Amino acid sequence: MTHPGDGVEPLLGARALGDAPDRLALAAGPHQIVSGWATVELDRAEEEVAGLLGLDEPVRASAVDDDRVLGARCRLLQAGTTSVLLMEPSTEGRLAAALARRGEGFTVRYLLVDGGAPERARRAGFMLTSAGRGPFGGERLVVDGPRSGPFLVLAGLD
């Protein structure tokens, strides 16, 4: 059974990705998956998403680095082993396009992986951006999906 924040929430517009999330996870072998919630206002979303987590444990919010690939300011919510990344557009980039097209909600899936994951993903047929920086360190966006999301990101590549 899954619950909000366990990394496998349905992504807004997921149908456009087909079986890519499962194939990417199989190829990349993530040690953790963190879902990203797109919003137009971090403070309001922090309260709303913390309520959605529905956990008995206190929810902690912490500032993390911006996601430069998606064009977002980020804040990490954590409760026990559950993590959700809140994301607010900082540019007129990919995250802003996703919000305009799909509205607020789970729009990004970060697969926290080892350094060999990009090559394994390429061998499995995925196209990736060049290396960028994000809230979990080095990252590469899978560019096989629509420009307005949802998005799959290999992260933690430092």
Protein backbone atom coordinates (compact mmCIF):
# COMPACT_ATOMS: atom_id res chain seq x y z
CA MET A 1 0.00 0.00 0.00
CA THR A 2 1.28 3.47 -0.85
CA HIS A 3 0.59 6.77 0.84
CA PRO A 4 1.34 10.39 -0.06
CA GLY A 5 5.03 11.12 0.17
CA ASP A 6 6.30 7.59 -0.46
CA GLY A 7 7.61 8.59 -3.88
CA VAL A 8 5.07 6.76 -6.00
CA GLU A 9 2.21 9.27 -6.10
CA PRO A 10 0.45 9.55 -9.44
CA LEU A 11 1.94 12.40 -11.45
CA LEU A 12 -0.34 14.96 -13.07
CA GLY A 13 -0.46 14.01 -16.75
CA ALA A 14 1.28 10.67 -16.12
CA ARG A 15 -0.46 9.08 -19.09
CA ALA A 16 1.89 11.09 -21.35
CA LEU A 17 4.85 9.16 -19.90
CA GLY A 18 3.43 5.70 -20.56
CA ASP A 19 5.58 3.05 -18.90
CA ALA A 20 8.67 5.32 -18.76
CA PRO A 21 8.62 5.79 -14.95
CA ASP A 22 8.74 2.03 -14.34
CA ARG A 23 11.34 1.39 -17.08
CA LEU A 24 13.53 4.24 -15.79
CA ALA A 25 13.35 2.98 -12.20
CA LEU A 26 14.31 -0.51 -13.37
CA ALA A 27 17.28 0.81 -15.37
CA ALA A 28 18.50 3.45 -12.92
CA GLY A 29 18.05 1.51 -9.66
CA PRO A 30 17.17 4.42 -7.36
CA HIS A 31 17.87 4.09 -3.64
CA GLN A 32 15.06 6.60 -2.97
CA ILE A 33 12.32 8.32 -4.93
CA VAL A 34 11.08 11.79 -3.95
CA SER A 35 8.02 13.36 -5.55
CA GLY A 36 7.93 17.06 -6.39
CA TRP A 37 4.78 19.15 -5.86
CA ALA A 38 4.47 22.11 -8.23
CA THR A 39 2.89 25.21 -6.71
CA VAL A 40 2.58 28.93 -7.27
CA GLU A 41 3.14 29.70 -3.55
CA LEU A 42 5.53 27.74 -1.33
CA ASP A 43 4.19 28.83 2.06
CA ARG A 44 0.58 27.91 1.29
CA ALA A 45 1.62 24.63 -0.34
CA GLU A 46 3.73 23.75 2.69
CA GLU A 47 0.62 23.75 4.88
CA GLU A 48 -1.55 21.96 2.32
CA VAL A 49 0.93 19.22 1.43
CA ALA A 50 1.90 18.68 5.07
CA GLY A 51 -1.80 18.03 5.71
CA LEU A 52 -1.96 15.64 2.75
CA LEU A 53 0.88 13.58 4.18
CA GLY A 54 -1.48 12.54 6.96
CA LEU A 55 1.31 11.31 9.20
CA ASP A 56 1.46 11.16 12.97
CA GLU A 57 5.03 12.49 12.94
CA PRO A 58 5.87 16.21 12.83
CA VAL A 59 6.61 17.59 9.38
CA ARG A 60 9.90 19.49 9.00
CA ALA A 61 10.53 21.98 6.21
CA SER A 62 14.01 22.88 5.07
CA ALA A 63 15.45 25.10 2.37
CA VAL A 64 17.31 23.28 -0.39
CA ASP A 65 19.04 24.43 -3.57
CA ASP A 66 16.98 25.59 -6.53
CA ASP A 67 16.32 23.23 -9.41
CA ARG A 68 18.04 25.04 -12.26
CA VAL A 69 17.01 22.48 -14.89
CA LEU A 70 13.28 22.89 -14.18
CA GLY A 71 13.46 26.55 -13.09
CA ALA A 72 12.20 26.24 -9.52
CA ARG A 73 12.74 27.42 -5.97
CA CYS A 74 12.48 24.40 -3.70
CA ARG A 75 11.66 23.46 -0.13
CA LEU A 76 11.90 19.92 1.24
CA LEU A 77 9.18 18.57 3.56
CA GLN A 78 10.12 15.55 5.66
CA ALA A 79 8.29 13.42 8.19
CA GLY A 80 10.09 10.26 9.27
CA THR A 81 11.17 8.52 6.07
CA THR A 82 8.68 10.44 3.91
CA SER A 83 9.92 13.35 1.78
CA VAL A 84 8.14 15.68 -0.65
CA LEU A 85 9.83 18.49 -2.55
CA LEU A 86 7.78 21.68 -2.94
CA MET A 87 8.60 23.59 -6.11
CA GLU A 88 7.69 27.15 -7.12
CA PRO A 89 8.71 28.60 -10.52
CA SER A 90 11.75 30.85 -10.49
CA THR A 91 11.88 31.24 -14.29
CA GLU A 92 9.48 30.89 -17.20
CA GLY A 93 10.87 27.40 -17.71
CA ARG A 94 9.60 23.86 -17.54
CA LEU A 95 7.98 24.03 -14.10
CA ALA A 96 6.08 27.21 -15.01
CA ALA A 97 4.85 25.48 -18.19
CA ALA A 98 3.69 22.47 -16.15
CA LEU A 99 1.75 24.69 -13.75
CA ALA A 100 0.11 26.60 -16.60
CA ARG A 101 -0.92 23.38 -18.30
CA ARG A 102 -1.78 21.07 -15.39
CA GLY A 103 -2.17 23.19 -12.24
CA GLU A 104 -0.74 22.41 -8.82
CA GLY A 105 0.12 18.90 -7.77
CA PHE A 106 2.69 16.13 -8.08
CA THR A 107 4.56 16.93 -11.28
CA VAL A 108 8.11 15.64 -10.76
CA ARG A 109 9.61 12.33 -9.71
CA TYR A 110 13.23 12.51 -8.52
CA LEU A 111 15.06 9.21 -8.62
CA LEU A 112 18.03 9.44 -6.24
CA VAL A 113 20.67 7.28 -7.87
CA ASP A 114 24.37 6.48 -8.09
CA GLY A 115 26.75 7.97 -10.65
CA GLY A 116 26.32 5.09 -13.11
CA ALA A 117 22.57 5.61 -13.48
CA PRO A 118 22.70 8.07 -16.42
CA GLU A 119 24.60 5.56 -18.56
CA ARG A 120 22.21 2.75 -17.58
CA ALA A 121 19.27 5.01 -18.45
CA ARG A 122 20.80 5.85 -21.85
CA ARG A 123 21.34 2.13 -22.58
CA ALA A 124 17.66 1.59 -21.73
CA GLY A 125 16.74 4.13 -24.44
CA PHE A 126 16.23 7.34 -22.44
CA MET A 127 17.48 10.74 -23.61
CA LEU A 128 18.89 12.96 -20.86
CA THR A 129 19.84 16.61 -20.54
CA SER A 130 23.40 17.57 -19.80
CA ALA A 131 24.30 17.69 -16.11
CA GLY A 132 22.64 20.41 -14.07
CA ARG A 133 22.18 21.30 -10.40
CA GLY A 134 19.16 20.78 -8.25
CA PRO A 135 17.93 20.26 -4.71
CA PHE A 136 19.62 16.85 -4.43
CA GLY A 137 22.91 17.83 -6.11
CA GLY A 138 23.85 16.94 -9.67
CA GLU A 139 20.91 15.94 -11.85
CA ARG A 140 19.82 15.05 -15.37
CA LEU A 141 16.29 15.46 -16.69
CA VAL A 142 14.78 12.74 -18.86
CA VAL A 143 13.72 14.63 -22.01
CA ASP A 144 11.57 11.93 -23.60
CA GLY A 145 8.35 13.37 -22.13
CA PRO A 146 6.34 16.52 -22.85
CA ARG A 147 7.99 19.91 -22.24
CA SER A 148 5.15 20.79 -19.84
CA GLY A 149 5.65 17.67 -17.75
CA PRO A 150 5.34 15.53 -15.89
CA PHE A 151 9.07 15.20 -15.33
CA LEU A 152 11.45 12.39 -14.40
CA VAL A 153 14.82 13.42 -12.97
CA LEU A 154 17.90 11.37 -12.11
CA ALA A 155 19.37 13.13 -9.07
CA GLY A 156 22.11 12.86 -6.47
CA LEU A 157 24.80 12.52 -9.13
CA ASP A 158 27.63 14.08 -7.10
